[in-house]
Amino acid sequence: MDSLKRSVMAVAAIGAAGAIAAAIPVPAQAATTSGVRYLQEYVSASFIGPGPSGMLNQCSVVLLSAAASDGSPAYVSGLLENNTTDACTGWLEDSVNGGAWTNVSPQVTLPAINQGLVDYPWAKTGNYYAGPGTSVRACVLTPAIPSSPAEPLCSSTSVTLGTSTAAPPDDGTSVFYDHNPQEVSANSGSGDLMCSASLNSSGTLGKTATSQASMTLSGTGNCTGWVETSADNGTTWEQATPTSSLILSNPRVELAFSPAVADGTGELARACVQNGTQAKVCTAAW
C-alpha cells in the first residue's frame, strides 16, 4: 500500500452515499473549492487477519478529526478499511463526562476480500460530537476462532476536541472500493511533503449502470484534487466534483473526500491532483 494513502494501516465511508453531482465543464482551477478537511488522529482499533497467499493484513478503524476544517468543528468520524479475508465490522463509541462507553455510530461491516492491499473496501462514518466533556474511541469486532468468540476490541485512547460551534456536513459513505492502481501523487518540492489522489468505486469492483466514483485526497502537503469524467471514451474530460483542498498546519496526514458522481457503463472516471502551479496529474481512467 502506498505510504501516503490515508496511512490508516500504518497506525493501526454509514448511511447513503453522497448525492450524485452533475458534471462541471470548467477547468479545475476555476472550480469552487469545497468539502471538509480531516486530520488523521493517532487513535485506531484493528485486528490482524489472514490475507491472500498467507499474508497477514488488517481490518482497522482510525479516527478522523474535522477540526482541521474552517471553524474547527468538534466532531470526529471513523475511516474503516479491510484487506483481510475476514469480514470487518467497525464503529465508534463515546463517553460523556467520564460515563460508560456506548455506541455512537452504527456498526459497519466491510466484506472479506481476496485482493489484499489492492482494490480493498472502505467506508467512512458520519461525524459525531467530540467536544469538551465527550470522548470518542474506535472499535472493531474481532472474528470468531475455535478457541474464542467474536468480541469487541476498542482503542486504548480516545479523542476530545476543543470548543467549537461549527458543525461539519454529514458525509458518511456506503461501501466503496479503493482502486490502488488508480493513484497519483504531487510533490511539494521539499521532498517529504506529498499529496495523493485515489479513485474509488461504489458497491462492487466491477462497473454497473448505477456505479458511482469518488476521490480520496490525502497527504502531508498543500494540494488540490477533484474527479473528472468522460462520456466519449476519454477524448474529452469534464470536472465532475468541486475541488477539494488540503492545507496542512502540522506533520500529520490530512484527508478530503469528494462527493460521489455517476460513473456507469459507457463512462470513464479519473482522479486528479495538483500542487500549486504544477501541472495536474491524473490517474488512469476507470
Protein backbone atom coordinates (compact mmCIF):
# COMPACT_ATOMS: atom_id res chain seq x y z
CA MET A 1 0.00 0.00 0.00
CA ASP A 2 1.33 3.45 -0.81
CA SER A 3 2.74 5.31 2.17
CA LEU A 4 0.51 8.36 1.83
CA LYS A 5 -2.86 6.82 1.07
CA ARG A 6 -4.74 7.62 4.24
CA SER A 7 -1.98 5.88 6.27
CA VAL A 8 -4.69 4.02 8.14
CA MET A 9 -2.95 0.65 8.17
CA ALA A 10 0.26 2.26 9.36
CA VAL A 11 -1.32 3.39 12.62
CA ALA A 12 -3.41 0.63 13.41
CA ALA A 13 -17.07 5.94 4.19
CA ILE A 14 -22.65 4.58 7.08
CA GLY A 15 -25.72 5.97 5.58
CA ALA A 16 -26.30 6.72 1.97
CA ALA A 17 -23.51 7.75 -0.35
CA GLY A 18 -23.20 11.41 -1.24
CA ALA A 19 -25.71 12.74 -3.73
CA ILE A 20 -24.76 12.32 -7.37
CA ALA A 21 -23.27 15.56 -8.62
CA ALA A 22 -23.64 16.90 -12.13
CA ALA A 23 -20.52 17.31 -14.27
CA ILE A 24 -18.94 20.75 -14.13
CA PRO A 25 -17.45 21.58 -17.57
CA VAL A 26 -14.85 24.05 -16.30
CA PRO A 27 -11.10 23.85 -15.72
CA ALA A 28 -10.08 22.52 -12.31
CA GLN A 29 -8.51 25.80 -11.28
CA ALA A 30 -11.82 27.62 -11.72
CA ALA A 31 -13.95 25.20 -9.73
CA THR A 32 -15.28 26.07 -6.31
CA THR A 33 -13.20 24.65 -3.50
CA SER A 34 -15.38 22.81 -1.02
CA GLY A 35 -15.54 19.87 1.33
CA VAL A 36 -14.36 19.08 4.82
CA ARG A 37 -10.69 18.58 5.63
CA TYR A 38 -9.93 15.82 8.12
CA LEU A 39 -6.88 15.30 10.29
CA GLN A 40 -5.90 11.72 10.98
CA GLU A 41 -5.74 11.15 14.72
CA TYR A 42 -3.39 8.71 16.47
CA VAL A 43 -6.39 6.72 17.66
CA SER A 44 -7.33 3.45 15.97
CA ALA A 45 -8.52 -0.09 16.56
CA SER A 46 -7.55 -3.03 14.38
CA PHE A 47 -7.05 -6.75 14.16
CA ILE A 48 -4.63 -8.75 12.08
CA GLY A 49 -6.33 -11.24 9.81
CA PRO A 50 -5.49 -13.64 7.01
CA GLY A 51 -4.89 -12.36 3.51
CA PRO A 52 -4.09 -13.78 0.10
CA SER A 53 -1.10 -16.12 -0.24
CA GLY A 54 -0.71 -16.37 3.52
CA MET A 55 -0.27 -12.63 4.03
CA LEU A 56 -1.34 -11.03 7.30
CA ASN A 57 -3.47 -7.95 6.69
CA GLN A 58 -5.63 -5.63 8.75
CA CYS A 59 -9.18 -4.61 9.49
CA SER A 60 -8.98 -1.16 11.05
CA VAL A 61 -10.89 1.92 12.13
CA VAL A 62 -8.98 5.18 12.54
CA LEU A 63 -10.45 8.41 13.92
CA LEU A 64 -10.53 11.49 11.72
CA SER A 65 -10.92 14.93 13.27
CA ALA A 66 -12.98 17.54 11.45
CA ALA A 67 -11.20 20.23 13.48
CA ALA A 68 -8.84 20.79 10.54
CA SER A 69 -11.73 22.43 8.67
CA ASP A 70 -12.93 26.01 8.85
CA GLY A 71 -14.42 26.75 12.27
CA SER A 72 -12.56 23.79 13.85
CA PRO A 73 -15.69 21.63 14.29
CA ALA A 74 -15.53 19.48 17.45
CA TYR A 75 -16.54 16.35 15.54
CA VAL A 76 -14.83 13.11 14.63
CA SER A 77 -15.60 10.27 12.24
CA GLY A 78 -14.20 6.83 11.62
CA LEU A 79 -12.48 5.54 8.49
CA LEU A 80 -12.92 1.77 8.22
CA GLU A 81 -10.73 -0.30 5.87
CA ASN A 82 -10.40 -4.03 5.26
CA ASN A 83 -7.84 -6.04 3.32
CA THR A 84 -8.31 -9.37 5.08
CA THR A 85 -10.20 -12.49 4.04
CA ASP A 86 -12.42 -11.98 7.12
CA ALA A 87 -15.38 -9.63 7.20
CA CYS A 88 -14.54 -6.40 9.04
CA THR A 89 -17.00 -4.66 11.37
CA GLY A 90 -16.25 -1.32 13.00
CA TRP A 91 -17.96 1.53 14.83
CA LEU A 92 -17.42 4.47 17.19
CA GLU A 93 -18.23 4.72 20.90
CA ASP A 94 -18.47 7.79 23.09
CA SER A 95 -18.27 8.54 26.79
CA VAL A 96 -19.93 11.65 28.25
CA ASN A 97 -18.37 13.18 31.37
CA GLY A 98 -16.45 10.00 32.11
CA GLY A 99 -19.52 7.77 31.92
CA ALA A 100 -19.89 4.36 30.32
CA TRP A 101 -18.86 3.80 26.73
CA THR A 102 -21.81 3.39 24.37
CA ASN A 103 -22.17 3.03 20.61
CA VAL A 104 -22.49 6.43 18.95
CA SER A 105 -22.32 5.28 15.33
CA PRO A 106 -23.98 2.34 13.60
CA GLN A 107 -21.83 -0.74 13.14
CA VAL A 108 -20.49 -1.00 9.60
CA THR A 109 -19.38 -4.27 8.02
CA LEU A 110 -16.98 -4.44 5.10
CA PRO A 111 -16.85 -7.65 3.06
CA ALA A 112 -13.98 -10.12 3.18
CA ILE A 113 -11.69 -9.82 0.16
CA ASN A 114 -9.05 -11.81 -1.67
CA GLN A 115 -7.18 -8.88 -3.21
CA GLY A 116 -5.10 -7.95 -0.16
CA LEU A 117 -3.81 -4.38 -0.46
CA VAL A 118 -5.28 -3.89 -3.93
CA ASP A 119 -8.88 -2.77 -4.53
CA TYR A 120 -9.90 -3.10 -0.89
CA PRO A 121 -13.25 -1.93 0.58
CA TRP A 122 -13.62 1.06 2.88
CA ALA A 123 -16.33 3.24 4.38
CA LYS A 124 -16.45 6.46 6.37
CA THR A 125 -18.87 7.01 9.23
CA GLY A 126 -20.80 10.20 9.76
CA ASN A 127 -19.44 12.91 12.06
CA TYR A 128 -20.07 12.72 15.82
CA TYR A 129 -19.60 15.30 18.55
CA ALA A 130 -16.35 15.03 20.48
CA GLY A 131 -16.14 18.40 22.21
CA PRO A 132 -15.42 19.18 25.87
CA GLY A 133 -16.93 16.53 28.14
CA THR A 134 -17.24 13.94 25.39
CA SER A 135 -14.63 11.40 24.33
CA VAL A 136 -14.84 9.19 21.24
CA ARG A 137 -12.94 5.97 20.54
CA ALA A 138 -12.72 3.44 17.68
CA CYS A 139 -13.83 -0.20 17.87
CA VAL A 140 -13.67 -3.32 15.70
CA LEU A 141 -15.21 -6.76 16.10
CA THR A 142 -12.57 -9.47 16.13
CA PRO A 143 -13.60 -12.58 14.17
CA ALA A 144 -14.56 -15.74 16.00
CA ILE A 145 -11.99 -18.52 16.16
CA PRO A 146 -12.36 -22.07 17.54
CA SER A 147 -10.99 -21.04 20.92
CA SER A 148 -12.70 -17.64 21.22
CA PRO A 149 -15.97 -15.99 20.15
CA ALA A 150 -16.12 -12.72 18.22
CA GLU A 151 -15.66 -9.82 20.63
CA PRO A 152 -15.24 -6.03 20.54
CA LEU A 153 -11.76 -4.55 20.54
CA CYS A 154 -11.60 -0.80 21.17
CA SER A 155 -8.76 1.71 21.07
CA SER A 156 -6.94 2.29 24.33
CA THR A 157 -7.00 6.05 23.74
CA SER A 158 -9.76 8.44 22.69
CA VAL A 159 -10.23 11.93 21.25
CA THR A 160 -11.73 15.04 22.87
CA LEU A 161 -11.57 18.21 20.81
CA GLY A 162 -11.73 21.87 21.76
CA THR A 163 -14.85 24.00 21.99
CA SER A 164 -16.45 24.99 18.69
CA THR A 165 -19.90 25.98 17.48
CA ALA A 166 -19.22 24.78 13.92
CA ALA A 167 -20.65 21.52 12.61
CA PRO A 168 -19.48 19.62 9.51
CA PRO A 169 -21.92 18.15 6.99
CA ASP A 170 -22.99 14.54 7.31
CA ASP A 171 -20.67 12.96 4.75
CA GLY A 172 -20.70 9.32 5.80
CA THR A 173 -20.46 6.87 2.92
CA SER A 174 -21.63 3.45 1.88
CA VAL A 175 -19.01 0.84 0.96
CA PHE A 176 -16.51 1.96 -1.67
CA TYR A 177 -13.54 0.17 -3.20
CA ASP A 178 -10.18 1.92 -3.33
CA HIS A 179 -8.57 1.28 -6.70
CA ASN A 180 -4.92 1.33 -5.66
CA PRO A 181 -3.54 1.29 -9.21
CA GLN A 182 -5.56 4.44 -9.85
CA GLU A 183 -3.50 6.74 -7.64
CA VAL A 184 -1.24 9.67 -8.42
CA SER A 185 0.93 11.94 -6.27
CA ALA A 186 2.16 15.52 -6.40
CA ASN A 187 5.39 16.56 -4.69
CA SER A 188 5.58 19.93 -2.96
CA GLY A 189 9.21 20.33 -3.95
CA SER A 190 10.58 19.80 -0.46
CA GLY A 191 10.84 16.05 -0.98
CA ASP A 192 8.85 14.94 2.06
CA LEU A 193 5.55 16.77 1.56
CA MET A 194 3.32 14.98 -0.92
CA CYS A 195 -0.35 14.56 -1.77
CA SER A 196 -2.13 11.62 -3.35
CA ALA A 197 -5.47 11.31 -5.11
CA SER A 198 -7.02 7.86 -5.40
CA LEU A 199 -10.12 6.82 -7.31
CA ASN A 200 -12.91 4.88 -5.61
CA SER A 201 -15.91 3.00 -6.95
CA SER A 202 -19.16 2.26 -5.15
CA GLY A 203 -20.71 -1.06 -4.28
CA THR A 204 -18.70 -3.51 -6.33
CA LEU A 205 -15.34 -3.77 -8.03
CA GLY A 206 -16.99 -4.07 -11.43
CA LYS A 207 -18.72 -1.20 -13.19
CA THR A 208 -22.51 -1.29 -13.50
CA ALA A 209 -25.18 1.05 -14.83
CA THR A 210 -25.54 2.58 -11.35
CA SER A 211 -21.85 2.79 -10.42
CA GLN A 212 -20.53 5.91 -8.74
CA ALA A 213 -16.97 7.19 -8.47
CA SER A 214 -15.32 9.38 -5.83
CA MET A 215 -11.88 10.62 -4.86
CA THR A 216 -9.89 10.39 -1.65
CA LEU A 217 -7.28 13.14 -1.34
CA SER A 218 -4.62 12.55 1.30
CA GLY A 219 -1.19 13.84 2.13
CA THR A 220 1.26 15.84 4.18
CA GLY A 221 1.45 18.91 1.93
CA ASN A 222 -0.83 21.54 0.44
CA CYS A 223 -2.64 20.41 -2.71
CA THR A 224 -5.98 20.22 -4.51
CA GLY A 225 -7.84 17.31 -6.10
CA TRP A 226 -11.03 16.50 -7.99
CA VAL A 227 -12.79 13.87 -10.12
CA GLU A 228 -13.09 14.13 -13.89
CA THR A 229 -15.45 12.09 -16.10
CA SER A 230 -15.62 11.33 -19.82
CA ALA A 231 -18.59 10.20 -21.88
CA ASP A 232 -16.61 9.73 -25.13
CA ASN A 233 -14.06 7.10 -24.11
CA GLY A 234 -11.51 9.62 -22.86
CA THR A 235 -11.43 12.01 -25.82
CA THR A 236 -12.64 14.88 -23.64
CA TRP A 237 -12.88 15.22 -19.86
CA GLU A 238 -15.06 17.36 -17.63
CA GLN A 239 -14.53 18.18 -13.98
CA ALA A 240 -17.30 16.36 -12.14
CA THR A 241 -16.76 17.37 -8.48
CA PRO A 242 -15.85 20.58 -6.71
CA THR A 243 -12.14 20.97 -5.99
CA SER A 244 -11.06 19.65 -2.59
CA SER A 245 -8.08 21.19 -0.80
CA LEU A 246 -5.58 20.14 1.84
CA ILE A 247 -3.98 22.91 3.90
CA LEU A 248 -1.71 21.36 6.47
CA SER A 249 -0.64 23.08 9.68
CA ASN A 250 1.19 20.12 11.22
CA PRO A 251 3.02 16.97 10.05
CA ARG A 252 0.08 14.57 10.36
CA VAL A 253 -1.85 13.23 7.39
CA GLU A 254 -4.83 15.25 6.18
CA LEU A 255 -7.67 13.86 4.05
CA ALA A 256 -10.60 15.09 1.98
CA PHE A 257 -13.38 13.06 0.38
CA SER A 258 -15.14 14.20 -2.78
CA PRO A 259 -18.86 13.64 -3.32
CA ALA A 260 -19.75 10.60 -5.43
CA VAL A 261 -20.65 11.13 -9.09
CA ALA A 262 -22.35 8.90 -11.64
CA ASP A 263 -19.88 6.62 -13.43
CA GLY A 264 -21.92 3.89 -15.08
CA THR A 265 -21.19 1.68 -18.05
CA GLY A 266 -20.14 3.73 -21.07
CA GLU A 267 -18.49 6.36 -18.86
CA LEU A 268 -14.95 6.81 -17.59
CA ALA A 269 -13.72 8.48 -14.41
CA ARG A 270 -10.33 9.56 -13.11
CA ALA A 271 -8.98 11.41 -10.06
CA CYS A 272 -6.61 14.36 -10.46
CA VAL A 273 -4.26 16.11 -8.04
CA GLN A 274 -2.35 19.38 -8.34
CA ASN A 275 0.24 21.14 -6.20
CA GLY A 276 0.23 24.91 -6.62
CA THR A 277 1.11 25.91 -10.16
CA GLN A 278 2.43 22.49 -11.12
CA ALA A 279 0.64 20.66 -13.91
CA LYS A 280 -2.19 18.43 -12.76
CA VAL A 281 -1.58 14.69 -12.60
CA CYS A 282 -4.47 12.26 -13.15
CA THR A 283 -5.00 8.58 -12.55
CA ALA A 284 -5.63 6.08 -15.29
CA ALA A 285 -9.25 6.05 -16.42
CA TRP A 286 -11.69 3.59 -14.84
